[in-house]
Amino acid sequence: MRIGHNECVNICEDRKIIKIIKQESEKWKKKQLIKNKMIKQKLIDEALQQFTGFKIGKWSNNIRELISSMGLKKEEWEYIKRTEDPDSILDEEDVEEINKIFKEDSA
């Protein structure tokens, strides 16, 4: 039995469509893997932050140690002050102390 031209064209088109579907499926799988890795890393980062907060809260009342362990930079502190309300988390004295620390470090 011979396959006509139209049947050949249809078979080729079907194969192209199947190939495209497979490629898109692989792209989606890769995106999901990347997304899952990012979510896991975020959870790990949050856990480390909580451990750090626990450790500092348990053994120190020194805000300078907290800033050092966080690796907080002056630009980040300025951003936090502009976009968040640090007074809702920290005492006014702590905010003033952090400002003073960054002022001393930049002098």
PDB file of N, CA and C in Angstrom:
ATOM      1  N   MET A   1       0.841  -1.182   0.000  1.00  0.00           N
ATOM      2  CA  MET A   1       0.000   0.000   0.000  1.00  0.00           C
ATOM      3  C   MET A   1       0.880   1.236   0.000  1.00  0.00           C
ATOM      4  N   ARG A   2       0.579   2.139  -0.870  1.00  0.00           N
ATOM      5  CA  ARG A   2       1.329   3.392  -0.965  1.00  0.00           C
ATOM      6  C   ARG A   2       0.653   4.490  -0.175  1.00  0.00           C
ATOM      7  N   ILE A   3       1.508   5.338   0.395  1.00  0.00           N
ATOM      8  CA  ILE A   3       0.988   6.502   1.115  1.00  0.00           C
ATOM      9  C   ILE A   3       1.045   7.672   0.157  1.00  0.00           C
ATOM     10  N   GLY A   4      -0.022   8.377   0.087  1.00  0.00           N
ATOM     11  CA  GLY A   4      -0.081   9.535  -0.786  1.00  0.00           C
ATOM     12  C   GLY A   4       0.646  10.733  -0.191  1.00  0.00           C
ATOM     13  N   HIS A   5       0.835  11.736  -1.032  1.00  0.00           N
ATOM     14  CA  HIS A   5       1.539  12.954  -0.622  1.00  0.00           C
ATOM     15  C   HIS A   5       0.884  13.613   0.591  1.00  0.00           C
ATOM     16  N   ASN A   6      -0.410  13.727   0.591  1.00  0.00           N
ATOM     17  CA  ASN A   6      -1.114  14.382   1.702  1.00  0.00           C
ATOM     18  C   ASN A   6      -0.922  13.629   3.015  1.00  0.00           C
ATOM     19  N   GLU A   7      -0.948  12.312   2.951  1.00  0.00           N
ATOM     20  CA  GLU A   7      -0.729  11.511   4.151  1.00  0.00           C
ATOM     21  C   GLU A   7       0.685  11.716   4.684  1.00  0.00           C
ATOM     22  N   CYS A   8       1.659  11.780   3.751  1.00  0.00           N
ATOM     23  CA  CYS A   8       3.061  12.020   4.140  1.00  0.00           C
ATOM     24  C   CYS A   8       3.199  13.366   4.837  1.00  0.00           C
ATOM     25  N   VAL A   9       2.575  14.374   4.276  1.00  0.00           N
ATOM     26  CA  VAL A   9       2.627  15.718   4.856  1.00  0.00           C
ATOM     27  C   VAL A   9       2.000  15.694   6.246  1.00  0.00           C
ATOM     28  N   ASN A  10       0.876  15.024   6.393  1.00  0.00           N
ATOM     29  CA  ASN A  10       0.213  14.937   7.699  1.00  0.00           C
ATOM     30  C   ASN A  10       1.088  14.227   8.725  1.00  0.00           C
ATOM     31  N   ILE A  11       1.743  13.149   8.309  1.00  0.00           N
ATOM     32  CA  ILE A  11       2.626  12.415   9.217  1.00  0.00           C
ATOM     33  C   ILE A  11       3.784  13.303   9.655  1.00  0.00           C
ATOM     34  N   CYS A  12       4.377  14.027   8.704  1.00  0.00           N
ATOM     35  CA  CYS A  12       5.488  14.932   9.027  1.00  0.00           C
ATOM     36  C   CYS A  12       5.029  16.036   9.980  1.00  0.00           C
ATOM     37  N   GLU A  13       3.868  16.592   9.737  1.00  0.00           N
ATOM     38  CA  GLU A  13       3.336  17.638  10.606  1.00  0.00           C
ATOM     39  C   GLU A  13       3.066  17.084  12.009  1.00  0.00           C
ATOM     40  N   ASP A  14       2.521  15.885  12.084  1.00  0.00           N
ATOM     41  CA  ASP A  14       2.273  15.255  13.380  1.00  0.00           C
ATOM     42  C   ASP A  14       3.575  15.057  14.144  1.00  0.00           C
ATOM     43  N   ARG A  15       4.612  14.613  13.452  1.00  0.00           N
ATOM     44  CA  ARG A  15       5.902  14.414  14.097  1.00  0.00           C
ATOM     45  C   ARG A  15       6.483  15.734  14.602  1.00  0.00           C
ATOM     46  N   LYS A  16       6.313  16.799  13.812  1.00  0.00           N
ATOM     47  CA  LYS A  16       6.793  18.126  14.241  1.00  0.00           C
ATOM     48  C   LYS A  16       6.053  18.572  15.503  1.00  0.00           C
ATOM     49  N   ILE A  17       4.755  18.353  15.515  1.00  0.00           N
ATOM     50  CA  ILE A  17       3.952  18.748  16.677  1.00  0.00           C
ATOM     51  C   ILE A  17       4.380  17.957  17.908  1.00  0.00           C
ATOM     52  N   ILE A  18       4.589  16.658  17.745  1.00  0.00           N
ATOM     53  CA  ILE A  18       5.033  15.815  18.865  1.00  0.00           C
ATOM     54  C   ILE A  18       6.390  16.282  19.371  1.00  0.00           C
ATOM     55  N   LYS A  19       7.277  16.629  18.448  1.00  0.00           N
ATOM     56  CA  LYS A  19       8.608  17.116  18.843  1.00  0.00           C
ATOM     57  C   LYS A  19       8.496  18.417  19.637  1.00  0.00           C
ATOM     58  N   ILE A  20       7.661  19.320  19.173  1.00  0.00           N
ATOM     59  CA  ILE A  20       7.464  20.605  19.870  1.00  0.00           C
ATOM     60  C   ILE A  20       6.882  20.366  21.258  1.00  0.00           C
ATOM     61  N   ILE A  21       5.918  19.468  21.361  1.00  0.00           N
ATOM     62  CA  ILE A  21       5.315  19.163  22.660  1.00  0.00           C
ATOM     63  C   ILE A  21       6.368  18.603  23.613  1.00  0.00           C
ATOM     64  N   LYS A  22       7.210  17.713  23.129  1.00  0.00           N
ATOM     65  CA  LYS A  22       8.270  17.148  23.963  1.00  0.00           C
ATOM     66  C   LYS A  22       9.245  18.224  24.415  1.00  0.00           C
ATOM     67  N   GLN A  23       9.617  19.134  23.500  1.00  0.00           N
ATOM     68  CA  GLN A  23      10.541  20.217  23.849  1.00  0.00           C
ATOM     69  C   GLN A  23       9.929  21.127  24.909  1.00  0.00           C
ATOM     70  N   GLU A  24       8.674  21.479  24.730  1.00  0.00           N
ATOM     71  CA  GLU A  24       8.001  22.348  25.703  1.00  0.00           C
ATOM     72  C   GLU A  24       7.870  21.652  27.053  1.00  0.00           C
ATOM     73  N   SER A  25       7.626  20.358  27.031  1.00  0.00           N
ATOM     74  CA  SER A  25       7.532  19.594  28.275  1.00  0.00           C
ATOM     75  C   SER A  25       8.865  19.599  29.010  1.00  0.00           C
ATOM     76  N   GLU A  26       9.958  19.440  28.276  1.00  0.00           N
ATOM     77  CA  GLU A  26      11.294  19.469  28.884  1.00  0.00           C
ATOM     78  C   GLU A  26      11.600  20.853  29.461  1.00  0.00           C
ATOM     79  N   LYS A  27      11.226  21.900  28.732  1.00  0.00           N
ATOM     80  CA  LYS A  27      11.428  23.270  29.237  1.00  0.00           C
ATOM     81  C   LYS A  27      10.665  23.462  30.543  1.00  0.00           C
ATOM     82  N   TRP A  28       9.416  22.992  30.569  1.00  0.00           N
ATOM     83  CA  TRP A  28       8.593  23.141  31.768  1.00  0.00           C
ATOM     84  C   TRP A  28       9.228  22.393  32.935  1.00  0.00           C
ATOM     85  N   LYS A  29       9.707  21.160  32.683  1.00  0.00           N
ATOM     86  CA  LYS A  29      10.345  20.370  33.736  1.00  0.00           C
ATOM     87  C   LYS A  29      11.573  21.090  34.285  1.00  0.00           C
ATOM     88  N   LYS A  30      12.380  21.667  33.400  1.00  0.00           N
ATOM     89  CA  LYS A  30      13.577  22.395  33.838  1.00  0.00           C
ATOM     90  C   LYS A  30      13.189  23.601  34.681  1.00  0.00           C
ATOM     91  N   LYS A  31      12.161  24.329  34.246  1.00  0.00           N
ATOM     92  CA  LYS A  31      11.703  25.492  35.019  1.00  0.00           C
ATOM     93  C   LYS A  31      11.227  25.074  36.405  1.00  0.00           C
ATOM     94  N   GLN A  32      10.506  23.956  36.480  1.00  0.00           N
ATOM     95  CA  GLN A  32      10.018  23.459  37.762  1.00  0.00           C
ATOM     96  C   GLN A  32      11.175  23.066  38.668  1.00  0.00           C
ATOM     97  N   LEU A  33      12.197  22.416  38.113  1.00  0.00           N
ATOM     98  CA  LEU A  33      13.365  22.035  38.908  1.00  0.00           C
ATOM     99  C   LEU A  33      14.063  23.262  39.475  1.00  0.00           C
ATOM    100  N   ILE A  34      14.228  24.275  38.625  1.00  0.00           N
ATOM    101  CA  ILE A  34      14.868  25.519  39.074  1.00  0.00           C
ATOM    102  C   ILE A  34      14.024  26.174  40.156  1.00  0.00           C
ATOM    103  N   LYS A  35      12.727  26.223  39.942  1.00  0.00           N
ATOM    104  CA  LYS A  35      11.811  26.831  40.926  1.00  0.00           C
ATOM    105  C   LYS A  35      11.886  26.079  42.254  1.00  0.00           C
ATOM    106  N   ASN A  36      11.882  24.747  42.195  1.00  0.00           N
ATOM    107  CA  ASN A  36      11.963  23.943  43.419  1.00  0.00           C
ATOM    108  C   ASN A  36      13.281  24.172  44.146  1.00  0.00           C
ATOM    109  N   LYS A  37      14.380  24.272  43.397  1.00  0.00           N
ATOM    110  CA  LYS A  37      15.679  24.536  44.014  1.00  0.00           C
ATOM    111  C   LYS A  37      15.684  25.898  44.698  1.00  0.00           C
ATOM    112  N   MET A  38      15.062  26.897  44.039  1.00  0.00           N
ATOM    113  CA  MET A  38      15.017  28.242  44.612  1.00  0.00           C
ATOM    114  C   MET A  38      14.188  28.247  45.895  1.00  0.00           C
ATOM    115  N   ILE A  39      13.076  27.520  45.887  1.00  0.00           N
ATOM    116  CA  ILE A  39      12.225  27.447  47.077  1.00  0.00           C
ATOM    117  C   ILE A  39      12.983  26.770  48.215  1.00  0.00           C
ATOM    118  N   LYS A  40      13.660  25.673  47.908  1.00  0.00           N
ATOM    119  CA  LYS A  40      14.432  24.973  48.938  1.00  0.00           C
ATOM    120  C   LYS A  40      15.525  25.870  49.495  1.00  0.00           C
ATOM    121  N   GLN A  41      16.225  26.602  48.615  1.00  0.00           N
ATOM    122  CA  GLN A  41      17.287  27.492  49.074  1.00  0.00           C
ATOM    123  C   GLN A  41      16.731  28.600  49.958  1.00  0.00           C
ATOM    124  N   LYS A  42      15.563  29.132  49.584  1.00  0.00           N
ATOM    125  CA  LYS A  42      14.924  30.178  50.395  1.00  0.00           C
ATOM    126  C   LYS A  42      14.589  29.638  51.785  1.00  0.00           C
ATOM    127  N   LEU A  43      14.066  28.425  51.847  1.00  0.00           N
ATOM    128  CA  LEU A  43      13.732  27.824  53.141  1.00  0.00           C
ATOM    129  C   LEU A  43      14.985  27.592  53.976  1.00  0.00           C
ATOM    130  N   ILE A  44      16.051  27.154  53.323  1.00  0.00           N
ATOM    131  CA  ILE A  44      17.316  26.954  54.041  1.00  0.00           C
ATOM    132  C   ILE A  44      17.835  28.285  54.558  1.00  0.00           C
ATOM    133  N   ASP A  45      17.796  29.324  53.708  1.00  0.00           N
ATOM    134  CA  ASP A  45      18.255  30.656  54.124  1.00  0.00           C
ATOM    135  C   ASP A  45      17.452  31.160  55.321  1.00  0.00           C
ATOM    136  N   GLU A  46      16.130  30.959  55.277  1.00  0.00           N
ATOM    137  CA  GLU A  46      15.289  31.397  56.388  1.00  0.00           C
ATOM    138  C   GLU A  46      15.620  30.630  57.665  1.00  0.00           C
ATOM    139  N   ALA A  47      15.878  29.337  57.541  1.00  0.00           N
ATOM    140  CA  ALA A  47      16.245  28.538  58.711  1.00  0.00           C
ATOM    141  C   ALA A  47      17.558  29.037  59.305  1.00  0.00           C
ATOM    142  N   LEU A  48      18.526  29.326  58.445  1.00  0.00           N
ATOM    143  CA  LEU A  48      19.809  29.837  58.934  1.00  0.00           C
ATOM    144  C   LEU A  48      19.632  31.178  59.633  1.00  0.00           C
ATOM    145  N   GLN A  49      18.766  32.021  59.096  1.00  0.00           N
ATOM    146  CA  GLN A  49      18.496  33.311  59.736  1.00  0.00           C
ATOM    147  C   GLN A  49      17.873  33.099  61.114  1.00  0.00           C
ATOM    148  N   GLN A  50      16.982  32.138  61.213  1.00  0.00           N
ATOM    149  CA  GLN A  50      16.351  31.866  62.507  1.00  0.00           C
ATOM    150  C   GLN A  50      17.365  31.316  63.505  1.00  0.00           C
ATOM    151  N   PHE A  51      18.244  30.422  63.044  1.00  0.00           N
ATOM    152  CA  PHE A  51      19.294  29.914  63.922  1.00  0.00           C
ATOM    153  C   PHE A  51      20.188  31.045  64.399  1.00  0.00           C
ATOM    154  N   THR A  52      20.534  31.939  63.481  1.00  0.00           N
ATOM    155  CA  THR A  52      21.392  33.071  63.836  1.00  0.00           C
ATOM    156  C   THR A  52      20.698  33.944  64.877  1.00  0.00           C
ATOM    157  N   GLY A  53      19.430  34.246  64.641  1.00  0.00           N
ATOM    158  CA  GLY A  53      18.675  35.053  65.600  1.00  0.00           C
ATOM    159  C   GLY A  53      18.581  34.381  66.957  1.00  0.00           C
ATOM    160  N   PHE A  54      18.369  33.075  66.944  1.00  0.00           N
ATOM    161  CA  PHE A  54      18.303  32.324  68.206  1.00  0.00           C
ATOM    162  C   PHE A  54      19.633  32.389  68.942  1.00  0.00           C
ATOM    163  N   LYS A  55      20.717  32.155  68.211  1.00  0.00           N
ATOM    164  CA  LYS A  55      22.043  32.148  68.838  1.00  0.00           C
ATOM    165  C   LYS A  55      22.366  33.515  69.426  1.00  0.00           C
ATOM    166  N   ILE A  56      22.148  34.559  68.668  1.00  0.00           N
ATOM    167  CA  ILE A  56      22.480  35.895  69.151  1.00  0.00           C
ATOM    168  C   ILE A  56      21.568  36.282  70.313  1.00  0.00           C
ATOM    169  N   GLY A  57      20.294  35.944  70.206  1.00  0.00           N
ATOM    170  CA  GLY A  57      19.370  36.241  71.296  1.00  0.00           C
ATOM    171  C   GLY A  57      19.706  35.490  72.570  1.00  0.00           C
ATOM    172  N   LYS A  58      20.269  34.314  72.407  1.00  0.00           N
ATOM    173  CA  LYS A  58      20.586  33.479  73.563  1.00  0.00           C
ATOM    174  C   LYS A  58      21.874  33.920  74.258  1.00  0.00           C
ATOM    175  N   TRP A  59      22.861  34.346  73.478  1.00  0.00           N
ATOM    176  CA  TRP A  59      24.178  34.593  74.061  1.00  0.00           C
ATOM    177  C   TRP A  59      24.645  36.040  74.013  1.00  0.00           C
ATOM    178  N   SER A  60      23.848  36.913  73.438  1.00  0.00           N
ATOM    179  CA  SER A  60      24.362  38.270  73.310  1.00  0.00           C
ATOM    180  C   SER A  60      23.240  39.290  73.274  1.00  0.00           C
ATOM    181  N   ASN A  61      23.516  40.422  73.845  1.00  0.00           N
ATOM    182  CA  ASN A  61      22.627  41.571  73.714  1.00  0.00           C
ATOM    183  C   ASN A  61      23.312  42.644  72.888  1.00  0.00           C
ATOM    184  N   ASN A  62      24.370  42.261  72.196  1.00  0.00           N
ATOM    185  CA  ASN A  62      25.194  43.202  71.469  1.00  0.00           C
ATOM    186  C   ASN A  62      24.698  43.338  70.031  1.00  0.00           C
ATOM    187  N   ILE A  63      24.139  44.502  69.705  1.00  0.00           N
ATOM    188  CA  ILE A  63      23.601  44.735  68.369  1.00  0.00           C
ATOM    189  C   ILE A  63      24.712  44.728  67.317  1.00  0.00           C
ATOM    190  N   ARG A  64      25.923  45.105  67.722  1.00  0.00           N
ATOM    191  CA  ARG A  64      27.072  45.087  66.796  1.00  0.00           C
ATOM    192  C   ARG A  64      27.359  43.657  66.338  1.00  0.00           C
ATOM    193  N   GLU A  65      27.274  42.693  67.265  1.00  0.00           N
ATOM    194  CA  GLU A  65      27.471  41.284  66.902  1.00  0.00           C
ATOM    195  C   GLU A  65      26.397  40.819  65.934  1.00  0.00           C
ATOM    196  N   LEU A  66      25.177  41.264  66.160  1.00  0.00           N
ATOM    197  CA  LEU A  66      24.081  40.904  65.262  1.00  0.00           C
ATOM    198  C   LEU A  66      24.360  41.406  63.853  1.00  0.00           C
ATOM    199  N   ILE A  67      24.717  42.666  63.734  1.00  0.00           N
ATOM    200  CA  ILE A  67      24.994  43.257  62.424  1.00  0.00           C
ATOM    201  C   ILE A  67      26.146  42.528  61.738  1.00  0.00           C
ATOM    202  N   SER A  68      27.170  42.226  62.504  1.00  0.00           N
ATOM    203  CA  SER A  68      28.329  41.521  61.959  1.00  0.00           C
ATOM    204  C   SER A  68      27.951  40.130  61.474  1.00  0.00           C
ATOM    205  N   SER A  69      27.195  39.387  62.267  1.00  0.00           N
ATOM    206  CA  SER A  69      26.829  38.025  61.880  1.00  0.00           C
ATOM    207  C   SER A  69      25.897  38.017  60.667  1.00  0.00           C
ATOM    208  N   MET A  70      25.089  39.067  60.525  1.00  0.00           N
ATOM    209  CA  MET A  70      24.196  39.179  59.378  1.00  0.00           C
ATOM    210  C   MET A  70      24.956  39.577  58.118  1.00  0.00           C
ATOM    211  N   GLY A  71      26.086  40.240  58.308  1.00  0.00           N
ATOM    212  CA  GLY A  71      26.795  40.787  57.153  1.00  0.00           C
ATOM    213  C   GLY A  71      26.054  41.989  56.585  1.00  0.00           C
ATOM    214  N   LEU A  72      25.287  42.658  57.440  1.00  0.00           N
ATOM    215  CA  LEU A  72      24.487  43.791  57.004  1.00  0.00           C
ATOM    216  C   LEU A  72      25.383  44.942  56.567  1.00  0.00           C
ATOM    217  N   LYS A  73      25.077  45.500  55.409  1.00  0.00           N
ATOM    218  CA  LYS A  73      25.834  46.628  54.875  1.00  0.00           C
ATOM    219  C   LYS A  73      25.045  47.916  55.103  1.00  0.00           C
ATOM    220  N   LYS A  74      25.768  49.032  55.095  1.00  0.00           N
ATOM    221  CA  LYS A  74      25.131  50.333  55.330  1.00  0.00           C
ATOM    222  C   LYS A  74      24.012  50.579  54.319  1.00  0.00           C
ATOM    223  N   GLU A  75      24.260  50.226  53.040  1.00  0.00           N
ATOM    224  CA  GLU A  75      23.250  50.443  52.002  1.00  0.00           C
ATOM    225  C   GLU A  75      21.984  49.629  52.294  1.00  0.00           C
ATOM    226  N   GLU A  76      22.171  48.425  52.807  1.00  0.00           N
ATOM    227  CA  GLU A  76      21.024  47.583  53.142  1.00  0.00           C
ATOM    228  C   GLU A  76      20.247  48.165  54.321  1.00  0.00           C
ATOM    229  N   TRP A  77      20.974  48.664  55.308  1.00  0.00           N
ATOM    230  CA  TRP A  77      20.330  49.286  56.462  1.00  0.00           C
ATOM    231  C   TRP A  77      19.536  50.510  56.024  1.00  0.00           C
ATOM    232  N   GLU A  78      20.121  51.319  55.155  1.00  0.00           N
ATOM    233  CA  GLU A  78      19.421  52.515  54.663  1.00  0.00           C
ATOM    234  C   GLU A  78      18.163  52.109  53.896  1.00  0.00           C
ATOM    235  N   TYR A  79      18.260  51.043  53.114  1.00  0.00           N
ATOM    236  CA  TYR A  79      17.099  50.550  52.368  1.00  0.00           C
ATOM    237  C   TYR A  79      16.000  50.087  53.331  1.00  0.00           C
ATOM    238  N   ILE A  80      16.391  49.349  54.360  1.00  0.00           N
ATOM    239  CA  ILE A  80      15.417  48.878  55.355  1.00  0.00           C
ATOM    240  C   ILE A  80      14.717  50.065  56.014  1.00  0.00           C
ATOM    241  N   LYS A  81      15.480  51.081  56.365  1.00  0.00           N
ATOM    242  CA  LYS A  81      14.882  52.250  57.019  1.00  0.00           C
ATOM    243  C   LYS A  81      13.908  52.969  56.083  1.00  0.00           C
ATOM    244  N   ARG A  82      14.232  52.996  54.780  1.00  0.00           N
ATOM    245  CA  ARG A  82      13.355  53.679  53.817  1.00  0.00           C
ATOM    246  C   ARG A  82      12.088  52.882  53.515  1.00  0.00           C
ATOM    247  N   THR A  83      12.203  51.563  53.461  1.00  0.00           N
ATOM    248  CA  THR A  83      11.082  50.761  52.966  1.00  0.00           C
ATOM    249  C   THR A  83      10.318  50.009  54.052  1.00  0.00           C
ATOM    250  N   GLU A  84      10.923  49.831  55.197  1.00  0.00           N
ATOM    251  CA  GLU A  84      10.282  49.078  56.287  1.00  0.00           C
ATOM    252  C   GLU A  84      10.174  49.992  57.502  1.00  0.00           C
ATOM    253  N   ASP A  85       9.633  49.462  58.567  1.00  0.00           N
ATOM    254  CA  ASP A  85       9.548  50.213  59.821  1.00  0.00           C
ATOM    255  C   ASP A  85      10.369  49.480  60.871  1.00  0.00           C
ATOM    256  N   PRO A  86      11.690  49.767  60.937  1.00  0.00           N
ATOM    257  CA  PRO A  86      12.524  49.040  61.895  1.00  0.00           C
ATOM    258  C   PRO A  86      12.083  49.232  63.344  1.00  0.00           C
ATOM    259  N   ASP A  87      11.407  50.354  63.631  1.00  0.00           N
ATOM    260  CA  ASP A  87      10.943  50.601  64.996  1.00  0.00           C
ATOM    261  C   ASP A  87       9.876  49.590  65.435  1.00  0.00           C
ATOM    262  N   SER A  88       9.239  48.923  64.464  1.00  0.00           N
ATOM    263  CA  SER A  88       8.229  47.930  64.835  1.00  0.00           C
ATOM    264  C   SER A  88       8.880  46.633  65.313  1.00  0.00           C
ATOM    265  N   ILE A  89      10.172  46.453  65.016  1.00  0.00           N
ATOM    266  CA  ILE A  89      10.887  45.248  65.418  1.00  0.00           C
ATOM    267  C   ILE A  89      11.924  45.563  66.483  1.00  0.00           C
ATOM    268  N   LEU A  90      12.626  46.663  66.300  1.00  0.00           N
ATOM    269  CA  LEU A  90      13.736  47.031  67.186  1.00  0.00           C
ATOM    270  C   LEU A  90      13.330  48.172  68.104  1.00  0.00           C
ATOM    271  N   ASP A  91      13.967  48.231  69.248  1.00  0.00           N
ATOM    272  CA  ASP A  91      13.788  49.385  70.130  1.00  0.00           C
ATOM    273  C   ASP A  91      14.412  50.611  69.471  1.00  0.00           C
ATOM    274  N   GLU A  92      13.941  51.775  69.863  1.00  0.00           N
ATOM    275  CA  GLU A  92      14.489  53.019  69.331  1.00  0.00           C
ATOM    276  C   GLU A  92      15.988  53.113  69.607  1.00  0.00           C
ATOM    277  N   GLU A  93      16.392  52.634  70.783  1.00  0.00           N
ATOM    278  CA  GLU A  93      17.819  52.660  71.137  1.00  0.00           C
ATOM    279  C   GLU A  93      18.640  51.776  70.190  1.00  0.00           C
ATOM    280  N   ASP A  94      18.066  50.622  69.797  1.00  0.00           N
ATOM    281  CA  ASP A  94      18.765  49.732  68.865  1.00  0.00           C
ATOM    282  C   ASP A  94      18.924  50.393  67.501  1.00  0.00           C
ATOM    283  N   VAL A  95      17.874  51.042  67.024  1.00  0.00           N
ATOM    284  CA  VAL A  95      17.936  51.732  65.732  1.00  0.00           C
ATOM    285  C   VAL A  95      19.004  52.813  65.776  1.00  0.00           C
ATOM    286  N   GLU A  96      19.024  53.581  66.870  1.00  0.00           N
ATOM    287  CA  GLU A  96      20.044  54.625  67.023  1.00  0.00           C
ATOM    288  C   GLU A  96      21.447  54.027  67.073  1.00  0.00           C
ATOM    289  N   GLU A  97      21.595  52.895  67.757  1.00  0.00           N
ATOM    290  CA  GLU A  97      22.892  52.230  67.855  1.00  0.00           C
ATOM    291  C   GLU A  97      23.363  51.743  66.475  1.00  0.00           C
ATOM    292  N   ILE A  98      22.444  51.182  65.695  1.00  0.00           N
ATOM    293  CA  ILE A  98      22.808  50.726  64.343  1.00  0.00           C
ATOM    294  C   ILE A  98      23.227  51.913  63.490  1.00  0.00           C
ATOM    295  N   ASN A  99      22.466  53.000  63.570  1.00  0.00           N
ATOM    296  CA  ASN A  99      22.843  54.219  62.835  1.00  0.00           C
ATOM    297  C   ASN A  99      24.244  54.675  63.235  1.00  0.00           C
ATOM    298  N   LYS A 100      24.506  54.648  64.526  1.00  0.00           N
ATOM    299  CA  LYS A 100      25.804  55.064  65.054  1.00  0.00           C
ATOM    300  C   LYS A 100      26.912  54.132  64.539  1.00  0.00           C
ATOM    301  N   ILE A 101      26.672  52.847  64.543  1.00  0.00           N
ATOM    302  CA  ILE A 101      27.678  51.878  64.074  1.00  0.00           C
ATOM    303  C   ILE A 101      28.044  52.153  62.613  1.00  0.00           C
ATOM    304  N   PHE A 102      27.036  52.348  61.775  1.00  0.00           N
ATOM    305  CA  PHE A 102      27.330  52.604  60.372  1.00  0.00           C
ATOM    306  C   PHE A 102      27.975  53.972  60.161  1.00  0.00           C
ATOM    307  N   LYS A 103      27.634  54.926  61.009  1.00  0.00           N
ATOM    308  CA  LYS A 103      28.268  56.253  60.924  1.00  0.00           C
ATOM    309  C   LYS A 103      29.742  56.132  61.297  1.00  0.00           C
ATOM    310  N   GLU A 104      30.056  55.361  62.352  1.00  0.00           N
ATOM    311  CA  GLU A 104      31.441  55.158  62.777  1.00  0.00           C
ATOM    312  C   GLU A 104      32.243  54.409  61.713  1.00  0.00           C
ATOM    313  N   ASP A 105      31.622  53.396  61.119  1.00  0.00           N
ATOM    314  CA  ASP A 105      32.309  52.590  60.122  1.00  0.00           C
ATOM    315  C   ASP A 105      32.626  53.369  58.849  1.00  0.00           C
ATOM    316  N   SER A 106      31.793  54.352  58.531  1.00  0.00           N
ATOM    317  CA  SER A 106      32.033  55.128  57.315  1.00  0.00           C
ATOM    318  C   SER A 106      32.961  56.321  57.561  1.00  0.00           C
ATOM    319  N   ALA A 107      33.260  56.594  58.832  1.00  0.00           N
ATOM    320  CA  ALA A 107      34.141  57.723  59.159  1.00  0.00           C
ATOM    321  C   ALA A 107      35.592  57.363  58.980  1.00  0.00           C
TER     322      ALA A 107
END
